Structures are given as C-alpha cells and as structure tokens.
C-alpha atoms as a PDB file:
ATOM      1  CA  MET A   1      83.978  20.940  94.146  1.00  0.00           C
ATOM      2  CA  SER A   2      81.881  21.935  97.231  1.00  0.00           C
ATOM      3  CA  ASP A   3      79.553  24.887  97.181  1.00  0.00           C
ATOM      4  CA  THR A   4      81.777  26.796  99.701  1.00  0.00           C
ATOM      5  CA  THR A   5      84.887  26.324  97.455  1.00  0.00           C
ATOM      6  CA  ALA A   6      82.926  27.347  94.375  1.00  0.00           C
ATOM      7  CA  GLN A   7      81.681  30.497  96.136  1.00  0.00           C
ATOM      8  CA  SER A   8      85.176  31.392  97.263  1.00  0.00           C
ATOM      9  CA  ALA A   9      86.548  30.944  93.755  1.00  0.00           C
ATOM     10  CA  ALA A  10      83.721  33.073  92.301  1.00  0.00           C
ATOM     11  CA  LYS A  11      84.438  35.768  94.843  1.00  0.00           C
ATOM     12  CA  ARG A  12      88.185  35.792  93.973  1.00  0.00           C
ATOM     13  CA  ASN A  13      87.320  36.051  90.288  1.00  0.00           C
ATOM     14  CA  ALA A  14      84.907  38.888  90.906  1.00  0.00           C
ATOM     15  CA  ASN A  15      87.570  40.697  92.840  1.00  0.00           C
ATOM     16  CA  ALA A  16      90.079  40.080  90.117  1.00  0.00           C
ATOM     17  CA  THR A  17      87.772  41.714  87.472  1.00  0.00           C
ATOM     18  CA  THR A  18      87.550  44.867  89.494  1.00  0.00           C
ATOM     19  CA  GLN A  19      91.079  45.009  90.642  1.00  0.00           C
ATOM     20  CA  PRO A  20      92.749  48.092  89.088  1.00  0.00           C
ATOM     21  CA  HIS A  21      95.754  47.186  86.956  1.00  0.00           C
ATOM     22  CA  ASP A  22      97.985  50.105  87.898  1.00  0.00           C
ATOM     23  CA  HIS A  23     100.900  48.975  85.693  1.00  0.00           C
ATOM     24  CA  GLN A  24     103.146  51.765  84.482  1.00  0.00           C
ATOM     25  CA  LYS A  25     102.871  52.476  80.808  1.00  0.00           C
ATOM     26  CA  GLY A  26     104.116  55.076  78.420  1.00  0.00           C
ATOM     27  CA  PRO A  27     107.513  56.639  78.229  1.00  0.00           C
ATOM     28  CA  LEU A  28     109.381  57.097  81.536  1.00  0.00           C
ATOM     29  CA  LEU A  29     109.760  60.746  80.510  1.00  0.00           C
ATOM     30  CA  LEU A  30     106.003  61.270  80.658  1.00  0.00           C
ATOM     31  CA  ARG A  31     105.758  59.577  84.050  1.00  0.00           C
ATOM     32  CA  TRP A  32     108.128  62.277  85.444  1.00  0.00           C
ATOM     33  CA  LEU A  33     107.222  65.196  83.209  1.00  0.00           C
ATOM     34  CA  LEU A  34     103.399  65.323  83.814  1.00  0.00           C
ATOM     35  CA  PRO A  35     103.584  65.308  87.650  1.00  0.00           C
ATOM     36  CA  SER A  36     106.435  67.872  87.421  1.00  0.00           C
ATOM     37  CA  LEU A  37     104.157  70.109  85.351  1.00  0.00           C
ATOM     38  CA  ALA A  38     101.544  69.846  88.050  1.00  0.00           C
ATOM     39  CA  VAL A  39     104.050  70.887  90.702  1.00  0.00           C
ATOM     40  CA  MET A  40     105.848  73.712  88.785  1.00  0.00           C
ATOM     41  CA  LEU A  41     103.275  75.148  86.457  1.00  0.00           C
ATOM     42  CA  LEU A  42      99.619  74.097  86.726  1.00  0.00           C
ATOM     43  CA  GLY A  43      99.323  73.917  90.498  1.00  0.00           C
ATOM     44  CA  PRO A  44     100.733  77.407  91.199  1.00  0.00           C
ATOM     45  CA  LEU A  45      98.456  78.819  88.441  1.00  0.00           C
ATOM     46  CA  LEU A  46      95.348  77.189  89.831  1.00  0.00           C
ATOM     47  CA  ALA A  47      96.202  78.440  93.343  1.00  0.00           C
ATOM     48  CA  LEU A  48      96.429  82.064  92.234  1.00  0.00           C
ATOM     49  CA  PRO A  49      92.608  82.812  92.639  1.00  0.00           C
ATOM     50  CA  ILE A  50      92.754  81.393  96.192  1.00  0.00           C
ATOM     51  CA  ALA A  51      95.023  84.278  97.181  1.00  0.00           C
ATOM     52  CA  SER A  52      92.242  86.710  96.218  1.00  0.00           C
ATOM     53  CA  LEU A  53      90.034  85.498  98.986  1.00  0.00           C
ATOM     54  CA  GLU A  54      90.195  87.617 102.081  1.00  0.00           C
ATOM     55  CA  ASP A  55      89.099  87.262 105.706  1.00  0.00           C
ATOM     56  CA  PRO A  56      86.773  89.953 107.383  1.00  0.00           C
ATOM     57  CA  THR A  57      89.860  92.102 108.251  1.00  0.00           C
ATOM     58  CA  GLY A  58      91.133  92.102 104.684  1.00  0.00           C
ATOM     59  CA  GLY A  59      93.846  89.607 105.479  1.00  0.00           C
ATOM     60  CA  PRO A  60      94.683  86.281 103.872  1.00  0.00           C
ATOM     61  CA  ASP A  61      93.352  83.935 106.580  1.00  0.00           C
ATOM     62  CA  ALA A  62      90.310  82.678 104.546  1.00  0.00           C
ATOM     63  CA  THR A  63      89.003  79.530 103.142  1.00  0.00           C
ATOM     64  CA  LEU A  64      86.735  78.779 100.155  1.00  0.00           C
ATOM     65  CA  LEU A  65      83.552  79.602 102.071  1.00  0.00           C
ATOM     66  CA  LEU A  66      84.829  81.369 105.121  1.00  0.00           C
ATOM     67  CA  SER A  67      85.819  84.474 103.200  1.00  0.00           C
ATOM     68  CA  ASN A  68      84.585  87.752 101.903  1.00  0.00           C
ATOM     69  CA  ALA A  69      83.451  86.050  98.610  1.00  0.00           C
ATOM     70  CA  PRO A  70      82.134  82.517  99.214  1.00  0.00           C
ATOM     71  CA  VAL A  71      80.531  82.348  95.825  1.00  0.00           C
ATOM     72  CA  LEU A  72      83.953  83.100  94.264  1.00  0.00           C
ATOM     73  CA  GLY A  73      85.435  80.396  96.531  1.00  0.00           C
ATOM     74  CA  VAL A  74      82.986  77.743  95.116  1.00  0.00           C
ATOM     75  CA  ALA A  75      83.698  78.866  91.584  1.00  0.00           C
ATOM     76  CA  VAL A  76      87.475  78.629  92.169  1.00  0.00           C
ATOM     77  CA  LEU A  77      87.015  75.126  93.614  1.00  0.00           C
ATOM     78  CA  LEU A  78      85.099  74.096  90.508  1.00  0.00           C
ATOM     79  CA  VAL A  79      87.692  75.402  88.153  1.00  0.00           C
ATOM     80  CA  ILE A  80      90.493  73.710  90.154  1.00  0.00           C
ATOM     81  CA  GLY A  81      88.677  70.489  90.218  1.00  0.00           C
ATOM     82  CA  ILE A  82      87.792  70.479  86.457  1.00  0.00           C
ATOM     83  CA  VAL A  83      91.273  71.348  85.407  1.00  0.00           C
ATOM     84  CA  ALA A  84      92.937  68.957  87.763  1.00  0.00           C
ATOM     85  CA  ALA A  85      90.613  66.131  86.881  1.00  0.00           C
ATOM     86  CA  PHE A  86      91.018  66.708  83.168  1.00  0.00           C
ATOM     87  CA  GLY A  87      94.792  66.716  83.543  1.00  0.00           C
ATOM     88  CA  GLY A  88      94.719  63.740  85.862  1.00  0.00           C
ATOM     89  CA  ALA A  89      92.565  61.703  83.462  1.00  0.00           C
ATOM     90  CA  ILE A  90      95.006  62.491  80.557  1.00  0.00           C
ATOM     91  CA  THR A  91      97.938  61.522  82.793  1.00  0.00           C
ATOM     92  CA  ALA A  92      96.302  58.327  83.821  1.00  0.00           C
ATOM     93  CA  LYS A  93      95.529  57.398  80.254  1.00  0.00           C
ATOM     94  CA  LEU A  94      99.112  58.071  79.071  1.00  0.00           C
ATOM     95  CA  THR A  95     100.895  56.491  82.090  1.00  0.00           C
ATOM     96  CA  ALA A  96      98.952  54.862  84.948  1.00  0.00           C
ATOM     97  CA  PRO A  97      96.036  55.721  87.226  1.00  0.00           C
ATOM     98  CA  GLY A  98      98.362  56.116  90.156  1.00  0.00           C
ATOM     99  CA  THR A  99     100.298  58.767  88.270  1.00  0.00           C
ATOM    100  CA  GLY A 100      97.035  60.491  87.457  1.00  0.00           C
ATOM    101  CA  ARG A 101      96.065  60.538  91.166  1.00  0.00           C
ATOM    102  CA  THR A 102      99.481  62.048  91.923  1.00  0.00           C
ATOM    103  CA  PHE A 103      98.922  64.724  89.330  1.00  0.00           C
ATOM    104  CA  VAL A 104      95.548  65.764  90.864  1.00  0.00           C
ATOM    105  CA  GLY A 105      96.877  65.682  94.406  1.00  0.00           C
ATOM    106  CA  LEU A 106      99.843  67.880  93.523  1.00  0.00           C
ATOM    107  CA  CYS A 107      97.672  70.465  91.747  1.00  0.00           C
ATOM    108  CA  ILE A 108      95.200  70.652  94.742  1.00  0.00           C
ATOM    109  CA  ALA A 109      98.087  70.845  97.172  1.00  0.00           C
ATOM    110  CA  TRP A 110      99.087  74.188  95.869  1.00  0.00           C
ATOM    111  CA  ALA A 111      95.494  75.480  96.413  1.00  0.00           C
ATOM    112  CA  ALA A 112      95.432  74.133  99.921  1.00  0.00           C
ATOM    113  CA  LEU A 113      98.730  75.945 100.785  1.00  0.00           C
ATOM    114  CA  ARG A 114      97.164  79.209  99.830  1.00  0.00           C
ATOM    115  CA  THR A 115      94.225  79.114 102.309  1.00  0.00           C
ATOM    116  CA  GLY A 116      94.421  80.728 105.722  1.00  0.00           C
ATOM    117  CA  ASN A 117      96.239  79.775 108.894  1.00  0.00           C
ATOM    118  CA  SER A 118      93.761  77.577 110.844  1.00  0.00           C
ATOM    119  CA  TRP A 119      94.692  78.969 114.217  1.00  0.00           C
ATOM    120  CA  ARG A 120      94.161  82.481 113.017  1.00  0.00           C
ATOM    121  CA  ILE A 121      90.832  81.546 111.425  1.00  0.00           C
ATOM    122  CA  PHE A 122      89.554  80.148 114.811  1.00  0.00           C
ATOM    123  CA  GLU A 123      91.007  83.198 116.610  1.00  0.00           C
ATOM    124  CA  MET A 124      88.824  85.469 114.407  1.00  0.00           C
ATOM    125  CA  HIS A 125      85.615  83.424 114.260  1.00  0.00           C
ATOM    126  CA  GLY A 126      85.838  81.178 117.372  1.00  0.00           C
ATOM    127  CA  ALA A 127      83.844  77.919 117.249  1.00  0.00           C
ATOM    128  CA  GLY A 128      81.520  79.687 114.726  1.00  0.00           C
ATOM    129  CA  ALA A 129      83.972  78.767 112.091  1.00  0.00           C
ATOM    130  CA  ALA A 130      83.070  75.097 112.447  1.00  0.00           C
ATOM    131  CA  ILE A 131      79.766  75.092 110.670  1.00  0.00           C
ATOM    132  CA  PRO A 132      80.974  76.933 107.534  1.00  0.00           C
ATOM    133  CA  LEU A 133      83.943  74.725 107.350  1.00  0.00           C
ATOM    134  CA  ALA A 134      81.727  71.624 107.683  1.00  0.00           C
ATOM    135  CA  ILE A 135      79.487  72.956 104.791  1.00  0.00           C
ATOM    136  CA  GLU A 136      82.665  73.585 102.826  1.00  0.00           C
ATOM    137  CA  GLY A 137      83.556  70.017 103.506  1.00  0.00           C
ATOM    138  CA  VAL A 138      80.367  68.836 101.904  1.00  0.00           C
ATOM    139  CA  VAL A 139      81.098  70.824  98.728  1.00  0.00           C
ATOM    140  CA  VAL A 140      84.744  69.720  98.557  1.00  0.00           C
ATOM    141  CA  ALA A 141      83.764  66.112  99.277  1.00  0.00           C
ATOM    142  CA  ALA A 142      81.366  66.076  96.264  1.00  0.00           C
ATOM    143  CA  VAL A 143      84.151  67.426  93.998  1.00  0.00           C
ATOM    144  CA  GLY A 144      86.608  64.839  95.315  1.00  0.00           C
ATOM    145  CA  LEU A 145      84.239  61.899  94.845  1.00  0.00           C
ATOM    146  CA  ALA A 146      83.521  63.004  91.247  1.00  0.00           C
ATOM    147  CA  ILE A 147      87.246  63.337  90.409  1.00  0.00           C
ATOM    148  CA  ALA A 148      88.019  59.924  91.944  1.00  0.00           C
ATOM    149  CA  GLY A 149      85.331  58.340  89.795  1.00  0.00           C
ATOM    150  CA  LEU A 150      86.503  60.069  86.697  1.00  0.00           C
ATOM    151  CA  LEU A 151      90.144  58.849  87.198  1.00  0.00           C
ATOM    152  CA  SER A 152      88.954  55.262  87.604  1.00  0.00           C
ATOM    153  CA  VAL A 153      86.678  55.205  84.640  1.00  0.00           C
ATOM    154  CA  GLY A 154      88.478  57.829  82.442  1.00  0.00           C
ATOM    155  CA  GLY A 155      91.869  56.264  83.305  1.00  0.00           C
ATOM    156  CA  GLY A 156      90.858  53.082  81.559  1.00  0.00           C
ATOM    157  CA  THR A 157      90.903  50.680  84.571  1.00  0.00           C
ATOM    158  CA  HIS A 158      87.161  50.453  84.888  1.00  0.00           C
ATOM    159  CA  THR A 159      84.067  50.514  82.785  1.00  0.00           C
ATOM    160  CA  PRO A 160      81.253  52.585  84.272  1.00  0.00           C
ATOM    161  CA  ALA A 161      79.354  49.457  85.235  1.00  0.00           C
ATOM    162  CA  ALA A 162      82.401  47.804  86.930  1.00  0.00           C
ATOM    163  CA  TYR A 163      82.991  51.044  88.918  1.00  0.00           C
ATOM    164  CA  LYS A 164      79.386  51.227  90.015  1.00  0.00           C
ATOM    165  CA  LYS A 165      79.665  47.578  91.161  1.00  0.00           C
ATOM    166  CA  ASP A 166      82.654  48.429  93.203  1.00  0.00           C
ATOM    167  CA  VAL A 167      80.984  51.367  94.768  1.00  0.00           C
ATOM    168  CA  ARG A 168      78.045  49.130  95.842  1.00  0.00           C
ATOM    169  CA  VAL A 169      80.341  46.702  97.450  1.00  0.00           C
ATOM    170  CA  ALA A 170      82.499  49.408  99.105  1.00  0.00           C
ATOM    171  CA  VAL A 171      79.763  51.551 100.599  1.00  0.00           C
ATOM    172  CA  GLY A 172      76.523  49.616 100.242  1.00  0.00           C
ATOM    173  CA  THR A 173      77.205  46.342 102.023  1.00  0.00           C
ATOM    174  CA  GLY A 174      76.348  45.496 105.568  1.00  0.00           C
ATOM    175  CA  ASN A 175      79.831  46.053 107.043  1.00  0.00           C
ATOM    176  CA  ALA A 176      80.472  49.258 105.090  1.00  0.00           C
ATOM    177  CA  ALA A 177      79.481  51.618 107.871  1.00  0.00           C
ATOM    178  CA  ILE A 178      81.749  49.856 110.310  1.00  0.00           C
ATOM    179  CA  GLY A 179      84.617  49.963 107.901  1.00  0.00           C
ATOM    180  CA  ILE A 180      84.135  53.604 107.169  1.00  0.00           C
ATOM    181  CA  ALA A 181      83.901  54.340 110.916  1.00  0.00           C
ATOM    182  CA  ILE A 182      87.200  52.582 111.495  1.00  0.00           C
ATOM    183  CA  GLY A 183      88.773  54.749 108.701  1.00  0.00           C
ATOM    184  CA  VAL A 184      87.374  57.849 110.268  1.00  0.00           C
ATOM    185  CA  ALA A 185      88.799  56.986 113.711  1.00  0.00           C
ATOM    186  CA  ALA A 186      92.236  56.263 112.208  1.00  0.00           C
ATOM    187  CA  GLY A 187      92.142  59.506 110.256  1.00  0.00           C
ATOM    188  CA  ILE A 188      91.400  61.491 113.401  1.00  0.00           C
ATOM    189  CA  ALA A 189      94.256  59.732 115.183  1.00  0.00           C
ATOM    190  CA  GLY A 190      96.594  60.670 112.274  1.00  0.00           C
ATOM    191  CA  THR A 191      95.703  64.390 112.504  1.00  0.00           C
ATOM    192  CA  VAL A 192      96.210  64.375 116.295  1.00  0.00           C
ATOM    193  CA  LEU A 193      99.745  63.108 115.706  1.00  0.00           C
ATOM    194  CA  VAL A 194     100.639  65.517 112.966  1.00  0.00           C
ATOM    195  CA  ALA A 195      98.361  68.607 112.865  1.00  0.00           C
ATOM    196  CA  LEU A 196      99.773  70.328 115.948  1.00  0.00           C
ATOM    197  CA  ASP A 197     100.012  73.802 114.467  1.00  0.00           C
ATOM    198  CA  GLY A 198      97.687  76.044 112.408  1.00  0.00           C
ATOM    199  CA  ALA A 199     100.323  76.635 109.720  1.00  0.00           C
ATOM    200  CA  ARG A 200      99.371  75.521 106.245  1.00  0.00           C
ATOM    201  CA  GLY A 201     102.105  73.000 105.782  1.00  0.00           C
ATOM    202  CA  GLN A 202     101.317  71.333 109.095  1.00  0.00           C
ATOM    203  CA  CYS A 203      97.607  71.021 108.385  1.00  0.00           C
ATOM    204  CA  LEU A 204      98.218  69.751 104.868  1.00  0.00           C
ATOM    205  CA  ALA A 205     100.502  67.129 106.314  1.00  0.00           C
ATOM    206  CA  GLY A 206      97.739  66.307 108.801  1.00  0.00           C
ATOM    207  CA  GLY A 207      95.337  65.691 105.867  1.00  0.00           C
ATOM    208  CA  PHE A 208      97.877  63.493 104.091  1.00  0.00           C
ATOM    209  CA  PHE A 209      98.802  61.412 107.128  1.00  0.00           C
ATOM    210  CA  GLY A 210      95.188  61.129 108.321  1.00  0.00           C
ATOM    211  CA  ALA A 211      94.095  59.906 104.870  1.00  0.00           C
ATOM    212  CA  LEU A 212      96.981  57.457 104.840  1.00  0.00           C
ATOM    213  CA  LEU A 213      96.150  55.928 108.180  1.00  0.00           C
ATOM    214  CA  ALA A 214      92.449  55.848 107.155  1.00  0.00           C
ATOM    215  CA  ALA A 215      93.315  53.793 104.099  1.00  0.00           C
ATOM    216  CA  VAL A 216      95.557  51.493 106.040  1.00  0.00           C
ATOM    217  CA  ALA A 217      92.898  50.892 108.677  1.00  0.00           C
ATOM    218  CA  VAL A 218      90.079  50.299 106.108  1.00  0.00           C
ATOM    219  CA  HIS A 219      92.136  47.801 104.186  1.00  0.00           C
ATOM    220  CA  LEU A 220      93.334  45.884 107.196  1.00  0.00           C
ATOM    221  CA  ALA A 221      89.816  45.854 108.723  1.00  0.00           C
ATOM    222  CA  THR A 222      88.284  44.428 105.498  1.00  0.00           C
ATOM    223  CA  PRO A 223      90.999  42.484 103.631  1.00  0.00           C
ATOM    224  CA  THR A 224      88.426  40.753 101.401  1.00  0.00           C
ATOM    225  CA  LEU A 225      87.870  43.978  99.441  1.00  0.00           C
ATOM    226  CA  SER A 226      89.734  44.403  96.177  1.00  0.00           C
ATOM    227  CA  THR A 227      92.132  47.384  96.050  1.00  0.00           C
ATOM    228  CA  GLU A 228      89.726  49.543  94.185  1.00  0.00           C
ATOM    229  CA  GLN A 229      86.802  48.678  96.662  1.00  0.00           C
ATOM    230  CA  ALA A 230      89.209  49.579  99.548  1.00  0.00           C
ATOM    231  CA  ARG A 231      90.106  52.808  97.862  1.00  0.00           C
ATOM    232  CA  ILE A 232      86.391  53.823  97.452  1.00  0.00           C
ATOM    233  CA  ARG A 233      85.733  52.944 101.104  1.00  0.00           C
ATOM    234  CA  SER A 234      88.767  54.896 102.232  1.00  0.00           C
ATOM    235  CA  ILE A 235      87.800  57.894 100.175  1.00  0.00           C
ATOM    236  CA  ALA A 236      84.277  57.696 101.771  1.00  0.00           C
ATOM    237  CA  ALA A 237      85.931  57.818 105.193  1.00  0.00           C
ATOM    238  CA  VAL A 238      88.017  60.860 104.204  1.00  0.00           C
ATOM    239  CA  ALA A 239      84.912  62.542 102.837  1.00  0.00           C
ATOM    240  CA  VAL A 240      83.228  62.053 106.250  1.00  0.00           C
ATOM    241  CA  LEU A 241      86.331  63.607 107.881  1.00  0.00           C
ATOM    242  CA  MET A 242      86.012  66.684 105.725  1.00  0.00           C
ATOM    243  CA  ILE A 243      82.618  67.296 107.337  1.00  0.00           C
ATOM    244  CA  VAL A 244      83.144  65.934 110.847  1.00  0.00           C
ATOM    245  CA  GLY A 245      86.686  67.339 111.228  1.00  0.00           C
ATOM    246  CA  PRO A 246      85.830  70.967 111.817  1.00  0.00           C
ATOM    247  CA  LEU A 247      82.952  69.988 114.144  1.00  0.00           C
ATOM    248  CA  THR A 248      85.335  68.237 116.530  1.00  0.00           C
ATOM    249  CA  VAL A 249      86.204  71.676 117.793  1.00  0.00           C
ATOM    250  CA  TYR A 250      83.176  71.298 120.039  1.00  0.00           C
ATOM    251  CA  ALA A 251      84.520  68.069 121.468  1.00  0.00           C
ATOM    252  CA  VAL A 252      88.129  68.631 122.188  1.00  0.00           C
ATOM    253  CA  PRO A 253      89.321  70.388 125.470  1.00  0.00           C
ATOM    254  CA  GLY A 254      89.042  74.076 124.942  1.00  0.00           C
ATOM    255  CA  GLY A 255      86.638  73.624 122.013  1.00  0.00           C
ATOM    256  CA  GLY A 256      84.024  75.773 123.720  1.00  0.00           C
ATOM    257  CA  GLU A 257      86.549  78.599 123.816  1.00  0.00           C
ATOM    258  CA  ALA A 258      88.011  77.967 120.321  1.00  0.00           C
ATOM    259  CA  ALA A 259      89.434  81.377 120.015  1.00  0.00           C
ATOM    260  CA  ASP A 260      91.367  81.171 123.211  1.00  0.00           C
ATOM    261  CA  ALA A 261      92.444  77.610 122.423  1.00  0.00           C
ATOM    262  CA  ALA A 262      93.767  78.654 119.024  1.00  0.00           C
ATOM    263  CA  ARG A 263      95.518  81.648 120.557  1.00  0.00           C
ATOM    264  CA  SER A 264      97.220  79.583 123.216  1.00  0.00           C
ATOM    265  CA  GLY A 265      98.187  76.803 120.770  1.00  0.00           C
ATOM    266  CA  THR A 266      96.124  74.079 122.502  1.00  0.00           C
ATOM    267  CA  LEU A 267      93.744  73.601 119.563  1.00  0.00           C
ATOM    268  CA  VAL A 268      95.160  70.711 117.587  1.00  0.00           C
ATOM    269  CA  GLY A 269      94.095  67.718 115.434  1.00  0.00           C
ATOM    270  CA  PRO A 270      91.225  67.360 112.993  1.00  0.00           C
ATOM    271  CA  SER A 271      89.653  70.756 113.669  1.00  0.00           C
ATOM    272  CA  LEU A 272      92.668  72.392 112.060  1.00  0.00           C
ATOM    273  CA  VAL A 273      92.673  70.280 108.953  1.00  0.00           C
ATOM    274  CA  GLN A 274      90.645  72.069 106.214  1.00  0.00           C
ATOM    275  CA  PRO A 275      88.635  70.287 103.511  1.00  0.00           C
ATOM    276  CA  LEU A 276      91.226  71.021 100.819  1.00  0.00           C
ATOM    277  CA  ASP A 277      93.851  69.294 102.930  1.00  0.00           C
ATOM    278  CA  TRP A 278      91.713  66.238 103.143  1.00  0.00           C
ATOM    279  CA  LEU A 279      91.141  66.489  99.377  1.00  0.00           C
ATOM    280  CA  VAL A 280      94.886  66.229  98.914  1.00  0.00           C
ATOM    281  CA  GLY A 281      94.864  63.271 101.173  1.00  0.00           C
ATOM    282  CA  ILE A 282      92.360  61.408  98.944  1.00  0.00           C
ATOM    283  CA  PHE A 283      94.734  61.609  95.991  1.00  0.00           C
ATOM    284  CA  LEU A 284      98.084  61.292  97.783  1.00  0.00           C
ATOM    285  CA  GLY A 285      97.581  59.806 101.205  1.00  0.00           C
ATOM    286  CA  VAL A 286      94.981  57.080 100.347  1.00  0.00           C
ATOM    287  CA  PRO A 287      97.069  55.579  97.470  1.00  0.00           C
ATOM    288  CA  THR A 288     100.124  55.636  99.744  1.00  0.00           C
ATOM    289  CA  GLY A 289      98.357  53.730 102.570  1.00  0.00           C
ATOM    290  CA  LEU A 290      96.898  51.207 100.200  1.00  0.00           C
ATOM    291  CA  GLY A 291     100.220  50.770  98.506  1.00  0.00           C
ATOM    292  CA  TRP A 292     101.912  50.143 101.896  1.00  0.00           C
ATOM    293  CA  VAL A 293      99.268  47.516 102.882  1.00  0.00           C
ATOM    294  CA  GLY A 294      99.618  45.809  99.528  1.00  0.00           C
ATOM    295  CA  SER A 295     103.427  45.609  99.610  1.00  0.00           C
ATOM    296  CA  VAL A 296     103.364  44.217 103.139  1.00  0.00           C
ATOM    297  CA  SER A 297     100.707  41.627 102.154  1.00  0.00           C
ATOM    298  CA  GLU A 298     102.725  40.548  99.060  1.00  0.00           C
ATOM    299  CA  LYS A 299     105.863  40.043 101.111  1.00  0.00           C
ATOM    300  CA  ALA A 300     103.942  38.077 103.768  1.00  0.00           C
ATOM    301  CA  GLN A 301     102.469  35.727 101.057  1.00  0.00           C
ATOM    302  CA  GLN A 302     105.825  35.019  99.419  1.00  0.00           C
ATOM    303  CA  PRO A 303     107.026  31.571 100.349  1.00  0.00           C
ATOM    304  CA  SER A 304     110.135  31.489 102.495  1.00  0.00           C
ATOM    305  CA  PRO A 305     113.208  29.864 100.848  1.00  0.00           C
ATOM    306  CA  ARG A 306     113.735  26.280 101.725  1.00  0.00           C
ATOM    307  CA  PRO A 307     116.887  25.769 103.900  1.00  0.00           C
ATOM    308  CA  ARG A 308     119.668  23.977 102.195  1.00  0.00           C
ATOM    309  CA  VAL A 309     120.351  20.514 103.271  1.00  0.00           C
ATOM    310  CA  ALA A 310     123.989  19.771 103.986  1.00  0.00           C
ATOM    311  CA  ARG A 311     125.498  16.964 101.979  1.00  0.00           C
END
C-alpha cells in the first residue's frame, strides 16, 4: 500500500471515530414527548422573565442588554441556557443528540419570540443599538458554544478528548478561517432573503434560515470534515454572525440613518436578526442544513441500478 493510500485510509478512520452516531434510541413516545414538553411547557416558562425587560419608554421593545435592566437580562440568559442545556442533555441521552438539540432550540425559540421588534428598537436607538447588540452577541455566543459542547459530550457521542480534537480540526486548521468566512457570507445572504421585517417571527426565521445556509455552505466548502467537525465550524460561523450582524447596520444603505431606515421599512437583513435568533439557528438551523447536505451526498453515492438486459 502506498503512503498516500495509507494516509487517506487513516484520515477516513479518524473521521469515523469522531463522526457522531445520531441513531434514534429509546421509546418513540420519548422522542415525541420531550420536544413537546419544550414547546408547550418549559419554553413558555423560560420566556416569562424576558417579558419583564422594558425599553426606555417602558414598552416591550427590549433585548437582553438593550433594556432597562441589562444585568437581569444576562441572568435570564444564564438561567435559560442552564435549564435548556440540562434538559437537552437528558433528552440526548434518552433518545439521540439530534433530539436534544431540537429540545434546546425549541426552548430558546420561546425566549427569542419575547424580545422586542427589531424595527422599533432601531427607531428608538438608531445606529447606537448596534454596539450593545454586538456585545449581547458575544455573551449569547459564549452560552451557545458551551451548550453545543455539553450536548456532544453529555449526549454520549463524544468523549471530552474526542470533542477537543474535533474542535481543533474545525477551527484551528489552516483553512478554518476561509470556511468560517464562507459560512458567514451564506448566513448573511439567508437573512437578506428572509428577515424583511422587524417582527419577531420574521427575524427568528431569518436566524434559522441564515444558520441553515451557513451550515450548507461550510459543509459543501469543506467536504473532508466529519459531520461533527462541520457542525462545530458552522456554529463558529453563526457565533460570528451574532456579533457582526448588528454591526452591518453601518454598511447597508440607510445604515447611517438607521432610525429613518427602520421607520420606512428599508432596514432589512442581518441587522434585524438578534443574537437569540441566531442561537435558535445553532440548534435548529445548523442540524437541518447538515442533514440536508448529508442526505443529498448519500443519494449521490448510491450506485444506480443496472439496466436490465433483454433476453
């Protein structure tokens, strides 16, 4: 066997050891019941404290940090993150890591829906809202990265050492920066297509679709990565989007007059997508994008049936 062939085989084996086995396990009832509990019970309960955050006028158009009580906002984020992560890890252990991610994403989606209308936020604060939102993105990204690691390790698919190895490959290799940049560009494109309104549902959909396209772009750009490595790189791209997204208000047309742009409805795209929207994208959009690429690749690799020879 040549050195090249041996190296290729070793690389495939290394990828195989870090490939997450997301096989469904546990009773079918649990695979439906646990995410349903996130939607109907735990998510609404975790979102209640978000409603207590107020904007400077006493209205509901606030975010975690851009509110009358930013310290409370950070505390609420930590509580939501801890409870959702704990519930997601249990769900992953009893069913599958994918179901655990769905559990976390559904819990956080409720909290994201309770923050303020993005257009009205920029109407009140103008472009000055971008910096606090970017700082909020740093905090939310840290929580998201921690939960993602907990689900991979606590869900039973990875040992801590294997997960650290995947992180090094995903974000520490020479082509990592290019791959992440491709994911960021795709994520921005996704928000431009979907986040056309400051309403919460529209912006949440922008975070989901942007994260989905980021994952698709990352995996297609670097097909040699294992699924878990592609997931980590995609999450890194979405974490960058949490911080960069609000700052794009300075680059888009009308960004210098953000209040007027929001008032006239011309402010669209990543500047409207809040960090919590992107956090939902990490746990719902990224797995969807990776699953789509994986299913297409599997179908492409399946041998075509031989034509029957007439006798």
